[in-house]
Structure formats: C-alpha cells, structure tokens
Amino acid sequence: LSGGARIAFVYHELYSNGIKAVDPFDHV
C-alpha cells in the first residue's frame, strides 16, 4: 500500500479498531 491507501488503512483499520478496543468498563 502507498499514498492515500495508507491513510485509508489508518482510518478504517488502525483508528476504527483502536476505538472499538476501548472498553467502558476497563476502569469502572
């Protein structure tokens, strides 16, 4: 992957999975 495709990967893989991994009951 190169250029804009890498940016799409950040959005739809890294960021999306990173947000989904935040468990609201980790700290509560």
PDB file of all heavy atoms in Angstrom:
ATOM      1  N   LEU A   1       0.835  -1.193   0.000  1.00  0.00           N
ATOM      2  CA  LEU A   1       0.000   0.000   0.000  1.00  0.00           C
ATOM      3  C   LEU A   1       0.873   1.249   0.000  1.00  0.00           C
ATOM      4  O   LEU A   1       1.958   1.260   0.582  1.00  0.00           O
ATOM      5  CB  LEU A   1      -0.909   0.010   1.226  1.00  0.00           C
ATOM      6  CG  LEU A   1      -1.984  -1.075   1.314  1.00  0.00           C
ATOM      7  CD1 LEU A   1      -2.809  -0.878   2.572  1.00  0.00           C
ATOM      8  CD2 LEU A   1      -2.864  -1.077   0.084  1.00  0.00           C
ATOM      9  N   SER A   2       0.396   2.290  -0.648  1.00  0.00           N
ATOM     10  CA  SER A   2       1.163   3.530  -0.695  1.00  0.00           C
ATOM     11  C   SER A   2       0.211   4.709  -0.774  1.00  0.00           C
ATOM     12  O   SER A   2      -0.963   4.572  -1.132  1.00  0.00           O
ATOM     13  CB  SER A   2       2.110   3.531  -1.905  1.00  0.00           C
ATOM     14  OG  SER A   2       1.369   3.449  -3.116  1.00  0.00           O
ATOM     15  N   GLY A   3       0.747   5.895  -0.426  1.00  0.00           N
ATOM     16  CA  GLY A   3      -0.004   7.136  -0.585  1.00  0.00           C
ATOM     17  C   GLY A   3      -1.315   7.166   0.163  1.00  0.00           C
ATOM     18  O   GLY A   3      -1.419   6.843   1.354  1.00  0.00           O
ATOM     19  N   GLY A   4      -2.382   7.550  -0.556  1.00  0.00           N
ATOM     20  CA  GLY A   4      -3.693   7.691   0.053  1.00  0.00           C
ATOM     21  C   GLY A   4      -4.238   6.387   0.608  1.00  0.00           C
ATOM     22  O   GLY A   4      -5.025   6.396   1.560  1.00  0.00           O
ATOM     23  N   ALA A   5      -3.817   5.250   0.030  1.00  0.00           N
ATOM     24  CA  ALA A   5      -4.297   3.957   0.520  1.00  0.00           C
ATOM     25  C   ALA A   5      -3.814   3.698   1.945  1.00  0.00           C
ATOM     26  O   ALA A   5      -4.519   3.070   2.743  1.00  0.00           O
ATOM     27  CB  ALA A   5      -3.817   2.839  -0.409  1.00  0.00           C
ATOM     28  N   ARG A   6      -2.626   4.183   2.278  1.00  0.00           N
ATOM     29  CA  ARG A   6      -2.127   4.021   3.641  1.00  0.00           C
ATOM     30  C   ARG A   6      -2.943   4.882   4.609  1.00  0.00           C
ATOM     31  O   ARG A   6      -3.176   4.487   5.750  1.00  0.00           O
ATOM     32  CB  ARG A   6      -0.647   4.405   3.708  1.00  0.00           C
ATOM     33  CG  ARG A   6       0.282   3.429   2.999  1.00  0.00           C
ATOM     34  CD  ARG A   6       1.730   3.878   3.103  1.00  0.00           C
ATOM     35  NE  ARG A   6       2.166   3.918   4.480  1.00  0.00           N
ATOM     36  CZ  ARG A   6       2.758   2.915   5.125  1.00  0.00           C
ATOM     37  NH1 ARG A   6       2.950   1.764   4.493  1.00  0.00           N
ATOM     38  NH2 ARG A   6       3.137   3.042   6.378  1.00  0.00           N
ATOM     39  N   ILE A   7      -3.374   6.047   4.163  1.00  0.00           N
ATOM     40  CA  ILE A   7      -4.212   6.907   5.003  1.00  0.00           C
ATOM     41  C   ILE A   7      -5.556   6.214   5.273  1.00  0.00           C
ATOM     42  O   ILE A   7      -6.068   6.219   6.405  1.00  0.00           O
ATOM     43  CB  ILE A   7      -4.413   8.276   4.329  1.00  0.00           C
ATOM     44  CG1 ILE A   7      -3.085   9.046   4.328  1.00  0.00           C
ATOM     45  CG2 ILE A   7      -5.510   9.081   5.022  1.00  0.00           C
ATOM     46  CD1 ILE A   7      -3.137  10.378   3.618  1.00  0.00           C
ATOM     47  N   ALA A   8      -6.125   5.603   4.226  1.00  0.00           N
ATOM     48  CA  ALA A   8      -7.380   4.860   4.407  1.00  0.00           C
ATOM     49  C   ALA A   8      -7.186   3.716   5.398  1.00  0.00           C
ATOM     50  O   ALA A   8      -8.074   3.415   6.206  1.00  0.00           O
ATOM     51  CB  ALA A   8      -7.861   4.327   3.055  1.00  0.00           C
ATOM     52  N   PHE A   9      -6.032   3.075   5.342  1.00  0.00           N
ATOM     53  CA  PHE A   9      -5.740   1.988   6.281  1.00  0.00           C
ATOM     54  C   PHE A   9      -5.715   2.507   7.716  1.00  0.00           C
ATOM     55  O   PHE A   9      -6.216   1.850   8.638  1.00  0.00           O
ATOM     56  CB  PHE A   9      -4.389   1.354   5.927  1.00  0.00           C
ATOM     57  CG  PHE A   9      -3.945   0.290   6.883  1.00  0.00           C
ATOM     58  CD1 PHE A   9      -4.445  -0.998   6.798  1.00  0.00           C
ATOM     59  CD2 PHE A   9      -3.029   0.572   7.882  1.00  0.00           C
ATOM     60  CE1 PHE A   9      -4.043  -1.988   7.688  1.00  0.00           C
ATOM     61  CE2 PHE A   9      -2.612  -0.399   8.775  1.00  0.00           C
ATOM     62  CZ  PHE A   9      -3.129  -1.683   8.675  1.00  0.00           C
ATOM     63  N   VAL A  10      -5.151   3.688   7.920  1.00  0.00           N
ATOM     64  CA  VAL A  10      -5.116   4.269   9.264  1.00  0.00           C
ATOM     65  C   VAL A  10      -6.534   4.521   9.767  1.00  0.00           C
ATOM     66  O   VAL A  10      -6.871   4.199  10.919  1.00  0.00           O
ATOM     67  CB  VAL A  10      -4.299   5.578   9.273  1.00  0.00           C
ATOM     68  CG1 VAL A  10      -4.413   6.273  10.634  1.00  0.00           C
ATOM     69  CG2 VAL A  10      -2.834   5.296   8.960  1.00  0.00           C
ATOM     70  N   TYR A  11      -7.378   5.083   8.890  1.00  0.00           N
ATOM     71  CA  TYR A  11      -8.752   5.385   9.298  1.00  0.00           C
ATOM     72  C   TYR A  11      -9.543   4.118   9.627  1.00  0.00           C
ATOM     73  O   TYR A  11     -10.136   3.997  10.703  1.00  0.00           O
ATOM     74  CB  TYR A  11      -9.489   6.116   8.173  1.00  0.00           C
ATOM     75  CG  TYR A  11      -9.022   7.535   7.929  1.00  0.00           C
ATOM     76  CD1 TYR A  11      -9.129   8.106   6.660  1.00  0.00           C
ATOM     77  CD2 TYR A  11      -8.493   8.308   8.958  1.00  0.00           C
ATOM     78  CE1 TYR A  11      -8.725   9.404   6.422  1.00  0.00           C
ATOM     79  CE2 TYR A  11      -8.080   9.606   8.729  1.00  0.00           C
ATOM     80  CZ  TYR A  11      -8.190  10.149   7.458  1.00  0.00           C
ATOM     81  OH  TYR A  11      -7.781  11.429   7.231  1.00  0.00           O
ATOM     82  N   HIS A  12      -9.589   3.202   8.673  1.00  0.00           N
ATOM     83  CA  HIS A  12     -10.548   2.102   8.722  1.00  0.00           C
ATOM     84  C   HIS A  12     -10.019   0.848   9.411  1.00  0.00           C
ATOM     85  O   HIS A  12     -10.803  -0.072   9.674  1.00  0.00           O
ATOM     86  CB  HIS A  12     -11.016   1.765   7.309  1.00  0.00           C
ATOM     87  CG  HIS A  12     -11.586   2.954   6.589  1.00  0.00           C
ATOM     88  ND1 HIS A  12     -12.671   3.644   7.066  1.00  0.00           N
ATOM     89  CD2 HIS A  12     -11.194   3.601   5.453  1.00  0.00           C
ATOM     90  CE1 HIS A  12     -12.954   4.664   6.248  1.00  0.00           C
ATOM     91  NE2 HIS A  12     -12.060   4.655   5.268  1.00  0.00           N
ATOM     92  N   GLU A  13      -8.744   0.809   9.679  1.00  0.00           N
ATOM     93  CA  GLU A  13      -8.192  -0.336  10.395  1.00  0.00           C
ATOM     94  C   GLU A  13      -7.630   0.088  11.754  1.00  0.00           C
ATOM     95  O   GLU A  13      -8.123  -0.326  12.794  1.00  0.00           O
ATOM     96  CB  GLU A  13      -7.091  -1.017   9.549  1.00  0.00           C
ATOM     97  CG  GLU A  13      -7.620  -1.700   8.300  1.00  0.00           C
ATOM     98  CD  GLU A  13      -8.497  -2.892   8.608  1.00  0.00           C
ATOM     99  OE1 GLU A  13      -8.285  -3.524   9.666  1.00  0.00           O
ATOM    100  OE2 GLU A  13      -9.406  -3.194   7.811  1.00  0.00           O
ATOM    101  N   LEU A  14      -6.613   0.924  11.722  1.00  0.00           N
ATOM    102  CA  LEU A  14      -5.950   1.290  12.978  1.00  0.00           C
ATOM    103  C   LEU A  14      -6.880   2.074  13.903  1.00  0.00           C
ATOM    104  O   LEU A  14      -7.086   1.708  15.066  1.00  0.00           O
ATOM    105  CB  LEU A  14      -4.681   2.092  12.684  1.00  0.00           C
ATOM    106  CG  LEU A  14      -3.594   1.374  11.872  1.00  0.00           C
ATOM    107  CD1 LEU A  14      -2.367   2.268  11.730  1.00  0.00           C
ATOM    108  CD2 LEU A  14      -3.199   0.063  12.532  1.00  0.00           C
ATOM    109  N   TYR A  15      -7.445   3.178  13.380  1.00  0.00           N
ATOM    110  CA  TYR A  15      -8.284   4.025  14.243  1.00  0.00           C
ATOM    111  C   TYR A  15      -9.583   3.324  14.616  1.00  0.00           C
ATOM    112  O   TYR A  15      -9.987   3.318  15.792  1.00  0.00           O
ATOM    113  CB  TYR A  15      -8.579   5.349  13.559  1.00  0.00           C
ATOM    114  CG  TYR A  15      -9.477   6.249  14.384  1.00  0.00           C
ATOM    115  CD1 TYR A  15      -9.048   6.758  15.606  1.00  0.00           C
ATOM    116  CD2 TYR A  15     -10.759   6.574  13.954  1.00  0.00           C
ATOM    117  CE1 TYR A  15      -9.874   7.573  16.380  1.00  0.00           C
ATOM    118  CE2 TYR A  15     -11.586   7.388  14.712  1.00  0.00           C
ATOM    119  CZ  TYR A  15     -11.142   7.885  15.931  1.00  0.00           C
ATOM    120  OH  TYR A  15     -11.957   8.679  16.700  1.00  0.00           O
ATOM    121  N   SER A  16     -10.244   2.709  13.642  1.00  0.00           N
ATOM    122  CA  SER A  16     -11.522   2.046  13.916  1.00  0.00           C
ATOM    123  C   SER A  16     -11.353   0.954  14.964  1.00  0.00           C
ATOM    124  O   SER A  16     -12.112   0.885  15.941  1.00  0.00           O
ATOM    125  CB  SER A  16     -12.075   1.451  12.620  1.00  0.00           C
ATOM    126  OG  SER A  16     -13.265   0.747  12.870  1.00  0.00           O
ATOM    127  N   ASN A  17     -10.318   0.120  14.786  1.00  0.00           N
ATOM    128  CA  ASN A  17     -10.094  -0.946  15.764  1.00  0.00           C
ATOM    129  C   ASN A  17      -9.625  -0.397  17.103  1.00  0.00           C
ATOM    130  O   ASN A  17      -9.932  -0.961  18.161  1.00  0.00           O
ATOM    131  CB  ASN A  17      -9.069  -1.945  15.220  1.00  0.00           C
ATOM    132  CG  ASN A  17      -9.635  -2.762  14.073  1.00  0.00           C
ATOM    133  OD1 ASN A  17     -10.838  -3.008  14.011  1.00  0.00           O
ATOM    134  ND2 ASN A  17      -8.779  -3.175  13.154  1.00  0.00           N
ATOM    135  N   GLY A  18      -8.883   0.707  17.060  1.00  0.00           N
ATOM    136  CA  GLY A  18      -8.423   1.319  18.307  1.00  0.00           C
ATOM    137  C   GLY A  18      -9.575   1.850  19.134  1.00  0.00           C
ATOM    138  O   GLY A  18      -9.609   1.685  20.371  1.00  0.00           O
ATOM    139  N   ILE A  19     -10.558   2.479  18.473  1.00  0.00           N
ATOM    140  CA  ILE A  19     -11.735   2.992  19.183  1.00  0.00           C
ATOM    141  C   ILE A  19     -12.595   1.833  19.707  1.00  0.00           C
ATOM    142  O   ILE A  19     -13.095   1.859  20.840  1.00  0.00           O
ATOM    143  CB  ILE A  19     -12.568   3.890  18.248  1.00  0.00           C
ATOM    144  CG1 ILE A  19     -11.824   5.199  17.970  1.00  0.00           C
ATOM    145  CG2 ILE A  19     -13.931   4.202  18.860  1.00  0.00           C
ATOM    146  CD1 ILE A  19     -11.627   6.085  19.178  1.00  0.00           C
ATOM    147  N   LYS A  20     -12.739   0.804  18.874  1.00  0.00           N
ATOM    148  CA  LYS A  20     -13.545  -0.344  19.299  1.00  0.00           C
ATOM    149  C   LYS A  20     -12.915  -1.078  20.477  1.00  0.00           C
ATOM    150  O   LYS A  20     -13.614  -1.753  21.250  1.00  0.00           O
ATOM    151  CB  LYS A  20     -13.734  -1.312  18.134  1.00  0.00           C
ATOM    152  CG  LYS A  20     -14.614  -0.767  17.021  1.00  0.00           C
ATOM    153  CD  LYS A  20     -14.663  -1.721  15.841  1.00  0.00           C
ATOM    154  CE  LYS A  20     -15.510  -1.142  14.707  1.00  0.00           C
ATOM    155  NZ  LYS A  20     -15.508  -2.016  13.508  1.00  0.00           N
ATOM    156  N   ALA A  21     -11.601  -0.954  20.611  1.00  0.00           N
ATOM    157  CA  ALA A  21     -10.910  -1.652  21.699  1.00  0.00           C
ATOM    158  C   ALA A  21     -11.067  -0.946  23.040  1.00  0.00           C
ATOM    159  O   ALA A  21     -10.704  -1.509  24.078  1.00  0.00           O
ATOM    160  CB  ALA A  21      -9.422  -1.786  21.361  1.00  0.00           C
ATOM    161  N   VAL A  22     -11.589   0.279  23.040  1.00  0.00           N
ATOM    162  CA  VAL A  22     -11.791   0.995  24.307  1.00  0.00           C
ATOM    163  C   VAL A  22     -13.027   0.419  24.996  1.00  0.00           C
ATOM    164  O   VAL A  22     -14.154   0.599  24.543  1.00  0.00           O
ATOM    165  CB  VAL A  22     -11.963   2.513  24.064  1.00  0.00           C
ATOM    166  CG1 VAL A  22     -12.217   3.234  25.387  1.00  0.00           C
ATOM    167  CG2 VAL A  22     -10.728   3.091  23.381  1.00  0.00           C
ATOM    168  N   ASP A  23     -12.821  -0.261  26.098  1.00  0.00           N
ATOM    169  CA  ASP A  23     -13.912  -0.885  26.858  1.00  0.00           C
ATOM    170  C   ASP A  23     -14.336   0.081  27.974  1.00  0.00           C
ATOM    171  O   ASP A  23     -13.514   0.458  28.818  1.00  0.00           O
ATOM    172  CB  ASP A  23     -13.426  -2.203  27.452  1.00  0.00           C
ATOM    173  CG  ASP A  23     -14.547  -2.991  28.126  1.00  0.00           C
ATOM    174  OD1 ASP A  23     -15.615  -2.398  28.384  1.00  0.00           O
ATOM    175  OD2 ASP A  23     -14.344  -4.188  28.392  1.00  0.00           O
ATOM    176  N   PRO A  24     -15.596   0.501  27.993  1.00  0.00           N
ATOM    177  CA  PRO A  24     -16.021   1.476  29.020  1.00  0.00           C
ATOM    178  C   PRO A  24     -15.941   0.926  30.448  1.00  0.00           C
ATOM    179  O   PRO A  24     -15.974   1.692  31.405  1.00  0.00           O
ATOM    180  CB  PRO A  24     -17.471   1.781  28.631  1.00  0.00           C
ATOM    181  CG  PRO A  24     -17.912   0.599  27.836  1.00  0.00           C
ATOM    182  CD  PRO A  24     -16.691   0.125  27.100  1.00  0.00           C
ATOM    183  N   PHE A  25     -15.822  -0.396  30.570  1.00  0.00           N
ATOM    184  CA  PHE A  25     -15.783  -0.976  31.912  1.00  0.00           C
ATOM    185  C   PHE A  25     -14.384  -1.444  32.310  1.00  0.00           C
ATOM    186  O   PHE A  25     -14.226  -2.196  33.261  1.00  0.00           O
ATOM    187  CB  PHE A  25     -16.790  -2.129  32.008  1.00  0.00           C
ATOM    188  CG  PHE A  25     -18.181  -1.711  31.642  1.00  0.00           C
ATOM    189  CD1 PHE A  25     -18.802  -2.204  30.498  1.00  0.00           C
ATOM    190  CD2 PHE A  25     -18.866  -0.785  32.419  1.00  0.00           C
ATOM    191  CE1 PHE A  25     -20.079  -1.799  30.156  1.00  0.00           C
ATOM    192  CE2 PHE A  25     -20.141  -0.378  32.086  1.00  0.00           C
ATOM    193  CZ  PHE A  25     -20.754  -0.878  30.944  1.00  0.00           C
ATOM    194  N   ASP A  26     -13.357  -1.008  31.503  1.00  0.00           N
ATOM    195  CA  ASP A  26     -11.973  -1.295  31.894  1.00  0.00           C
ATOM    196  C   ASP A  26     -11.652  -0.623  33.223  1.00  0.00           C
ATOM    197  O   ASP A  26     -11.002  -1.205  34.095  1.00  0.00           O
ATOM    198  CB  ASP A  26     -10.995  -0.793  30.827  1.00  0.00           C
ATOM    199  CG  ASP A  26     -10.897  -1.762  29.670  1.00  0.00           C
ATOM    200  OD1 ASP A  26     -11.350  -2.907  29.835  1.00  0.00           O
ATOM    201  OD2 ASP A  26     -10.382  -1.379  28.604  1.00  0.00           O
ATOM    202  N   HIS A  27     -12.079   0.637  33.347  1.00  0.00           N
ATOM    203  CA  HIS A  27     -11.720   1.438  34.514  1.00  0.00           C
ATOM    204  C   HIS A  27     -12.872   1.564  35.521  1.00  0.00           C
ATOM    205  O   HIS A  27     -12.711   2.161  36.577  1.00  0.00           O
ATOM    206  CB  HIS A  27     -11.279   2.840  34.074  1.00  0.00           C
ATOM    207  CG  HIS A  27     -10.077   2.832  33.179  1.00  0.00           C
ATOM    208  ND1 HIS A  27      -9.712   3.917  32.422  1.00  0.00           N
ATOM    209  CD2 HIS A  27      -9.160   1.868  32.930  1.00  0.00           C
ATOM    210  CE1 HIS A  27      -8.621   3.627  31.733  1.00  0.00           C
ATOM    211  NE2 HIS A  27      -8.273   2.376  32.029  1.00  0.00           N
ATOM    212  N   VAL A  28     -14.035   1.070  35.144  1.00  0.00           N
ATOM    213  CA  VAL A  28     -15.205   1.182  36.029  1.00  0.00           C
ATOM    214  C   VAL A  28     -15.720  -0.215  36.343  1.00  0.00           C
ATOM    215  O   VAL A  28     -16.218  -0.922  35.473  1.00  0.00           O
ATOM    216  CB  VAL A  28     -16.327   2.020  35.378  1.00  0.00           C
ATOM    217  CG1 VAL A  28     -17.523   2.112  36.311  1.00  0.00           C
ATOM    218  CG2 VAL A  28     -15.821   3.408  35.026  1.00  0.00           C
TER     219      VAL A  28
END
